[in-house]
Amino acid sequence: MIDITRKPTSLREATATALVTVSDPATVAALREKRVPKGDVLESARVAALFGVKKTHEIIPDCHPLPIEHAECSFTVGEQEIIVTMRVRTIYRTGVEVEAMHGASVAALTIYDMLKPIDKGVAIAGIRLLEKKGGKSDWKDRFDLPVKAAVLVISDSLASGKKEDKAGAAIVERLMKLGVEVPRQAVCADEPEDMANMVKAWSAEGLDLILTTGGTGLSPRDRTPESIAPLLDREVPGIMEAARAYGQERMPWAMMSRGIAGMIGRTLVITLPGSTRGAQETMDALFPFVLHVVKVQEMAFRHGL
């Protein structure tokens, strides 16, 4: 199965349909009047659909077991057709479109099985996904102008040339994959004045986003939060709360990260951990969702606010 451990959980929804056709309107009449010898067709199909949704991962090899928070099967009955509509919801790391389609298909097969003794022309005409939502693509904003970011790597050993930068490079790579331009990159030592001056200069350029990596831990030289906090016009606590919650599920030491985030004018500043893994996991937790802050600033500027 595909590794989904890096994905954040979100509300996922999917709706699928299946079409069952019959050759004789009398078949539908028997269904409506519950005269089918095998029993109540629609109620049986509804129950079967729920079992189908729950057991999808047991039948489809690459489907992940996931918690089904809501499943609803409904029917639209016409003169010679029955439309099955299957809606599924969960809060998880992957979508439920296959679960919805599987539930719809099992309901359609149940209808077929119960009607075939009285109608040899019954057929399943199609199964398709109507809608899915809740993945990262649903939370990806579009921008009138390219989003521009800067990445500041804060490390004594990197500034002295003793180590190779990996965390900063990983952040830049992730930003570029999101379509974010990175015109500014730099490395500085764990010196409060140096990092503060760099962040102030970049925010004065009107960059949309500044990401720092390093100096958010508990060693005596980790002073990034104390250096950046006085520069912020407004702190945005929820950003790092989300990052720490995401990290805590994967690494117990995430609780000791002291990263902060906030606004300097129209520029969003986020302080990421210095480890490559910590920086990558924070990016996984926050992006592309956090870019909505840039969209809000863009809309405010457009309206002269």
Protein backbone atom coordinates (compact mmCIF):
# COMPACT_ATOMS: atom_id res chain seq x y z
CA MET A 1 0.00 0.00 0.00
CA ILE A 2 1.05 3.61 -0.54
CA ASP A 3 2.66 5.23 2.52
CA ILE A 4 0.18 7.80 3.87
CA THR A 5 1.85 8.40 7.23
CA ARG A 6 3.04 11.87 6.14
CA LYS A 7 -0.46 13.03 5.26
CA PRO A 8 -2.39 15.08 7.83
CA THR A 9 -5.86 13.94 8.81
CA SER A 10 -8.81 15.88 7.42
CA LEU A 11 -12.50 15.45 6.82
CA ARG A 12 -12.89 13.34 3.68
CA GLU A 13 -16.13 12.83 1.76
CA ALA A 14 -17.12 10.94 -1.36
CA THR A 15 -20.34 10.26 -3.24
CA ALA A 16 -20.75 7.48 -5.80
CA THR A 17 -23.68 6.16 -7.80
CA ALA A 18 -24.66 2.91 -9.47
CA LEU A 19 -27.40 2.41 -12.04
CA VAL A 20 -29.53 -0.74 -12.18
CA THR A 21 -31.96 -1.15 -15.08
CA VAL A 22 -34.84 -3.61 -15.53
CA SER A 23 -36.61 -4.80 -18.66
CA ASP A 24 -40.18 -4.55 -17.37
CA PRO A 25 -41.92 -1.77 -15.41
CA ALA A 26 -43.72 -4.52 -13.50
CA THR A 27 -40.40 -5.36 -11.85
CA VAL A 28 -40.18 -1.88 -10.37
CA ALA A 29 -43.80 -2.13 -9.26
CA ALA A 30 -43.01 -5.38 -7.43
CA LEU A 31 -40.01 -3.70 -5.80
CA ARG A 32 -42.06 -0.70 -4.66
CA GLU A 33 -44.84 -2.89 -3.29
CA LYS A 34 -42.35 -5.27 -1.63
CA ARG A 35 -43.66 -8.29 -3.58
CA VAL A 36 -40.24 -9.58 -4.63
CA PRO A 37 -39.91 -13.21 -3.42
CA LYS A 38 -36.47 -12.66 -1.87
CA GLY A 39 -37.73 -9.85 0.35
CA ASP A 40 -37.42 -6.08 0.72
CA VAL A 41 -34.98 -5.22 -2.07
CA LEU A 42 -34.01 -1.69 -1.12
CA GLU A 43 -33.61 -2.37 2.58
CA SER A 44 -31.47 -5.42 1.83
CA ALA A 45 -29.38 -3.38 -0.62
CA ARG A 46 -28.94 -0.62 1.95
CA VAL A 47 -27.63 -3.04 4.57
CA ALA A 48 -25.36 -4.73 2.02
CA ALA A 49 -23.98 -1.33 0.98
CA LEU A 50 -22.95 -0.55 4.56
CA PHE A 51 -21.16 -3.89 4.83
CA GLY A 52 -19.51 -3.20 1.47
CA VAL A 53 -18.19 0.17 2.61
CA LYS A 54 -16.77 -1.25 5.85
CA LYS A 55 -15.09 -4.21 4.14
CA THR A 56 -13.56 -2.37 1.19
CA HIS A 57 -10.00 -2.78 2.47
CA GLU A 58 -10.56 -6.55 2.75
CA ILE A 59 -11.46 -6.81 -0.93
CA ILE A 60 -9.38 -4.12 -2.69
CA PRO A 61 -5.69 -4.86 -1.98
CA ASP A 62 -4.30 -1.32 -1.93
CA CYS A 63 -7.11 0.26 0.10
CA HIS A 64 -6.17 1.24 3.65
CA PRO A 65 -8.31 0.21 6.62
CA LEU A 66 -9.88 3.43 7.83
CA PRO A 67 -12.56 4.55 10.28
CA ILE A 68 -15.92 5.06 8.59
CA GLU A 69 -17.52 7.97 10.43
CA HIS A 70 -20.66 8.12 8.28
CA ALA A 71 -22.17 6.04 5.47
CA GLU A 72 -25.53 6.64 3.84
CA CYS A 73 -27.13 4.71 1.00
CA SER A 74 -30.22 6.09 -0.76
CA PHE A 75 -32.21 5.13 -3.84
CA THR A 76 -34.02 6.91 -6.63
CA VAL A 77 -36.54 4.61 -8.31
CA GLY A 78 -37.77 5.36 -11.82
CA GLU A 79 -40.01 3.46 -14.23
CA GLN A 80 -37.30 1.01 -15.25
CA GLU A 81 -34.23 1.99 -13.27
CA ILE A 82 -32.93 2.25 -9.74
CA ILE A 83 -30.16 4.74 -9.00
CA VAL A 84 -28.05 3.93 -5.94
CA THR A 85 -26.36 6.88 -4.23
CA MET A 86 -23.65 6.14 -1.67
CA ARG A 87 -22.18 8.86 0.56
CA VAL A 88 -19.23 8.16 2.86
CA ARG A 89 -17.39 10.41 5.31
CA THR A 90 -14.33 9.96 7.51
CA ILE A 91 -11.64 11.94 9.28
CA TYR A 92 -8.46 10.33 8.08
CA ARG A 93 -5.32 10.66 5.94
CA THR A 94 -6.75 9.22 2.74
CA GLY A 95 -9.97 9.56 0.81
CA VAL A 96 -13.06 7.36 0.75
CA GLU A 97 -13.94 7.39 -2.94
CA VAL A 98 -13.24 3.66 -3.38
CA GLU A 99 -15.30 2.90 -0.28
CA ALA A 100 -18.23 4.88 -1.72
CA MET A 101 -17.95 3.16 -5.10
CA HIS A 102 -17.64 -0.25 -3.47
CA GLY A 103 -20.72 0.38 -1.34
CA ALA A 104 -22.69 1.49 -4.40
CA SER A 105 -21.55 -1.57 -6.37
CA VAL A 106 -22.50 -4.00 -3.58
CA ALA A 107 -25.94 -2.37 -3.32
CA ALA A 108 -26.36 -2.69 -7.09
CA LEU A 109 -25.33 -6.36 -7.02
CA THR A 110 -27.78 -7.01 -4.21
CA ILE A 111 -30.59 -5.44 -6.23
CA TYR A 112 -29.53 -7.49 -9.25
CA ASP A 113 -29.48 -10.72 -7.25
CA MET A 114 -32.92 -10.12 -5.71
CA LEU A 115 -34.60 -9.07 -8.97
CA LYS A 116 -33.13 -11.61 -11.41
CA PRO A 117 -35.64 -14.36 -10.49
CA ILE A 118 -38.48 -12.14 -11.75
CA ASP A 119 -36.67 -10.22 -14.51
CA LYS A 120 -34.06 -11.85 -16.73
CA GLY A 121 -33.21 -8.46 -18.27
CA VAL A 122 -32.00 -6.75 -15.10
CA ALA A 123 -28.56 -5.18 -15.56
CA ILE A 124 -26.03 -2.99 -13.81
CA ALA A 125 -25.40 -0.18 -16.26
CA GLY A 126 -22.62 1.70 -14.51
CA ILE A 127 -20.84 2.70 -11.31
CA ARG A 128 -19.11 6.06 -11.02
CA LEU A 129 -17.73 8.58 -8.59
CA LEU A 130 -19.81 11.74 -8.44
CA GLU A 131 -17.78 13.82 -6.03
CA LYS A 132 -14.90 13.67 -3.59
CA LYS A 133 -13.49 16.35 -1.33
CA GLY A 134 -11.30 16.85 1.68
CA GLY A 135 -7.79 16.25 0.32
CA LYS A 136 -4.99 18.80 0.00
CA SER A 137 -6.20 19.91 -3.42
CA ASP A 138 -9.39 21.26 -1.85
CA TRP A 139 -7.37 23.58 0.38
CA LYS A 140 -4.99 24.88 -2.26
CA ASP A 141 -5.47 28.57 -2.99
CA ARG A 142 -4.85 30.22 -6.35
CA PHE A 143 -2.91 33.47 -6.41
CA ASP A 144 -2.98 36.43 -8.80
CA LEU A 145 0.78 36.86 -8.37
CA PRO A 146 3.44 34.25 -7.54
CA VAL A 147 3.98 33.66 -3.83
CA LYS A 148 7.51 34.68 -2.87
CA ALA A 149 9.36 33.24 0.10
CA ALA A 150 12.70 33.38 1.86
CA VAL A 151 14.44 30.60 3.78
CA LEU A 152 16.87 31.36 6.59
CA VAL A 153 18.97 28.50 7.99
CA ILE A 154 20.10 29.22 11.55
CA SER A 155 23.04 27.11 12.67
CA ASP A 156 26.49 27.77 14.11
CA SER A 157 27.99 24.72 12.43
CA LEU A 158 26.51 25.55 9.03
CA ALA A 159 27.52 29.20 9.27
CA SER A 160 31.11 28.13 9.98
CA GLY A 161 31.09 25.70 7.06
CA LYS A 162 31.49 22.60 9.23
CA LYS A 163 28.27 20.94 8.00
CA GLU A 164 26.23 20.75 4.83
CA ASP A 165 22.75 22.27 4.83
CA LYS A 166 20.01 19.68 4.34
CA ALA A 167 17.01 21.09 6.18
CA GLY A 168 17.03 24.39 4.28
CA ALA A 169 17.43 22.59 0.97
CA ALA A 170 14.49 20.32 1.81
CA ILE A 171 12.31 23.34 2.66
CA VAL A 172 13.21 25.10 -0.60
CA GLU A 173 12.49 21.96 -2.60
CA ARG A 174 9.07 21.58 -0.96
CA LEU A 175 8.17 25.22 -1.56
CA MET A 176 9.13 25.04 -5.21
CA LYS A 177 6.96 21.94 -5.67
CA LEU A 178 4.07 24.04 -4.35
CA GLY A 179 4.78 26.71 -6.96
CA VAL A 180 6.28 29.13 -4.40
CA GLU A 181 9.23 31.19 -5.62
CA VAL A 182 12.24 31.41 -3.28
CA PRO A 183 14.27 34.50 -4.26
CA ARG A 184 16.07 34.77 -0.90
CA GLN A 185 18.12 32.14 0.94
CA ALA A 186 20.76 32.58 3.60
CA VAL A 187 22.61 30.94 6.48
CA CYS A 188 23.43 32.66 9.77
CA ALA A 189 24.80 31.66 13.15
CA ASP A 190 22.65 31.36 16.26
CA GLU A 191 23.05 35.04 16.99
CA PRO A 192 19.81 36.90 17.88
CA GLU A 193 20.83 40.15 16.24
CA ASP A 194 21.93 38.51 12.99
CA MET A 195 18.76 36.50 12.53
CA ALA A 196 16.52 39.41 13.54
CA ASN A 197 18.21 41.77 11.09
CA MET A 198 17.84 39.28 8.25
CA VAL A 199 14.15 38.66 8.94
CA LYS A 200 13.46 42.41 9.25
CA ALA A 201 15.21 43.11 5.96
CA TRP A 202 13.32 40.39 4.11
CA SER A 203 9.94 41.45 5.51
CA ALA A 204 10.70 45.03 4.40
CA GLU A 205 11.08 43.70 0.84
CA GLY A 206 7.43 42.64 0.94
CA LEU A 207 8.02 38.90 0.73
CA ASP A 208 4.91 36.83 1.39
CA LEU A 209 6.58 34.19 3.52
CA ILE A 210 9.74 33.78 5.60
CA LEU A 211 10.69 30.36 6.90
CA THR A 212 13.52 29.88 9.35
CA THR A 213 14.96 26.51 10.29
CA GLY A 214 16.95 25.90 13.45
CA GLY A 215 17.21 27.28 16.94
CA THR A 216 13.77 26.24 18.20
CA GLY A 217 14.94 23.59 20.67
CA LEU A 218 16.21 23.75 24.24
CA SER A 219 19.99 24.01 23.95
CA PRO A 220 21.59 27.23 25.30
CA ARG A 221 22.20 28.50 21.74
CA ASP A 222 18.60 27.87 20.58
CA ARG A 223 17.27 31.43 20.64
CA THR A 224 15.26 31.77 17.45
CA PRO A 225 11.81 32.20 19.11
CA GLU A 226 13.15 34.88 21.46
CA SER A 227 14.78 36.71 18.54
CA ILE A 228 11.76 36.61 16.21
CA ALA A 229 8.92 37.18 18.70
CA PRO A 230 9.65 40.92 19.27
CA LEU A 231 9.48 41.50 15.51
CA LEU A 232 5.96 40.10 15.11
CA ASP A 233 3.00 42.45 14.83
CA ARG A 234 0.64 39.55 15.47
CA GLU A 235 1.39 36.01 16.58
CA VAL A 236 -0.59 33.15 14.98
CA PRO A 237 -0.48 30.44 17.67
CA GLY A 238 -2.58 27.91 15.77
CA ILE A 239 0.07 27.40 13.11
CA MET A 240 2.66 25.93 15.45
CA GLU A 241 -0.01 24.22 17.54
CA ALA A 242 -0.95 22.29 14.38
CA ALA A 243 2.70 21.53 13.62
CA ARG A 244 3.41 20.24 17.13
CA ALA A 245 0.26 18.12 17.20
CA TYR A 246 1.24 16.59 13.86
CA GLY A 247 4.80 16.00 15.03
CA GLN A 248 3.76 14.52 18.36
CA GLU A 249 1.95 11.69 16.56
CA ARG A 250 5.24 10.74 14.92
CA MET A 251 8.00 11.76 17.33
CA PRO A 252 7.62 12.19 21.14
CA TRP A 253 10.32 14.88 21.19
CA ALA A 254 8.09 17.19 19.11
CA MET A 255 6.64 18.50 22.38
CA MET A 256 9.93 20.28 23.02
CA SER A 257 9.86 22.38 19.87
CA ARG A 258 9.41 26.05 20.73
CA GLY A 259 8.70 27.31 17.24
CA ILE A 260 6.49 30.36 16.76
CA ALA A 261 4.65 31.91 13.82
CA GLY A 262 3.17 35.32 13.14
CA MET A 263 2.88 38.35 10.90
CA ILE A 264 5.31 41.19 10.26
CA GLY A 265 3.11 43.49 8.25
CA ARG A 266 1.88 41.36 5.34
CA THR A 267 4.69 38.79 5.72
CA LEU A 268 4.06 35.47 7.44
CA VAL A 269 7.04 34.22 9.45
CA ILE A 270 7.29 30.59 10.57
CA THR A 271 10.16 29.14 12.62
CA LEU A 272 10.78 25.48 11.79
CA PRO A 273 12.96 22.93 13.63
CA GLY A 274 16.57 22.58 12.54
CA SER A 275 16.57 18.84 11.89
CA THR A 276 15.77 17.80 8.33
CA ARG A 277 13.09 15.41 9.52
CA GLY A 278 11.54 18.01 11.83
CA ALA A 279 11.51 20.62 9.07
CA GLN A 280 9.96 18.21 6.57
CA GLU A 281 7.27 17.07 9.01
CA THR A 282 6.39 20.67 9.83
CA MET A 283 6.06 21.40 6.11
CA ASP A 284 3.84 18.33 5.75
CA ALA A 285 1.64 19.56 8.59
CA LEU A 286 1.27 23.15 7.40
CA PHE A 287 1.37 23.23 3.61
CA PRO A 288 -0.43 24.07 1.42
CA PHE A 289 -3.03 25.05 4.03
CA VAL A 290 -1.01 27.84 5.63
CA LEU A 291 -0.69 29.64 2.28
CA HIS A 292 -4.27 30.75 2.84
CA VAL A 293 -2.76 33.48 5.02
CA VAL A 294 -1.10 34.84 1.89
CA LYS A 295 -4.45 34.72 0.09
CA VAL A 296 -6.09 36.67 2.92
CA GLN A 297 -3.38 39.33 2.71
CA GLU A 298 -3.74 39.46 -1.06
CA MET A 299 -7.50 40.04 -0.81
CA ALA A 300 -7.05 42.68 1.90
CA PHE A 301 -4.51 44.55 -0.24
CA ARG A 302 -6.84 44.39 -3.24
CA HIS A 303 -9.60 46.04 -1.20
CA GLY A 304 -7.29 48.65 0.25
CA LEU A 305 -7.37 47.31 3.81
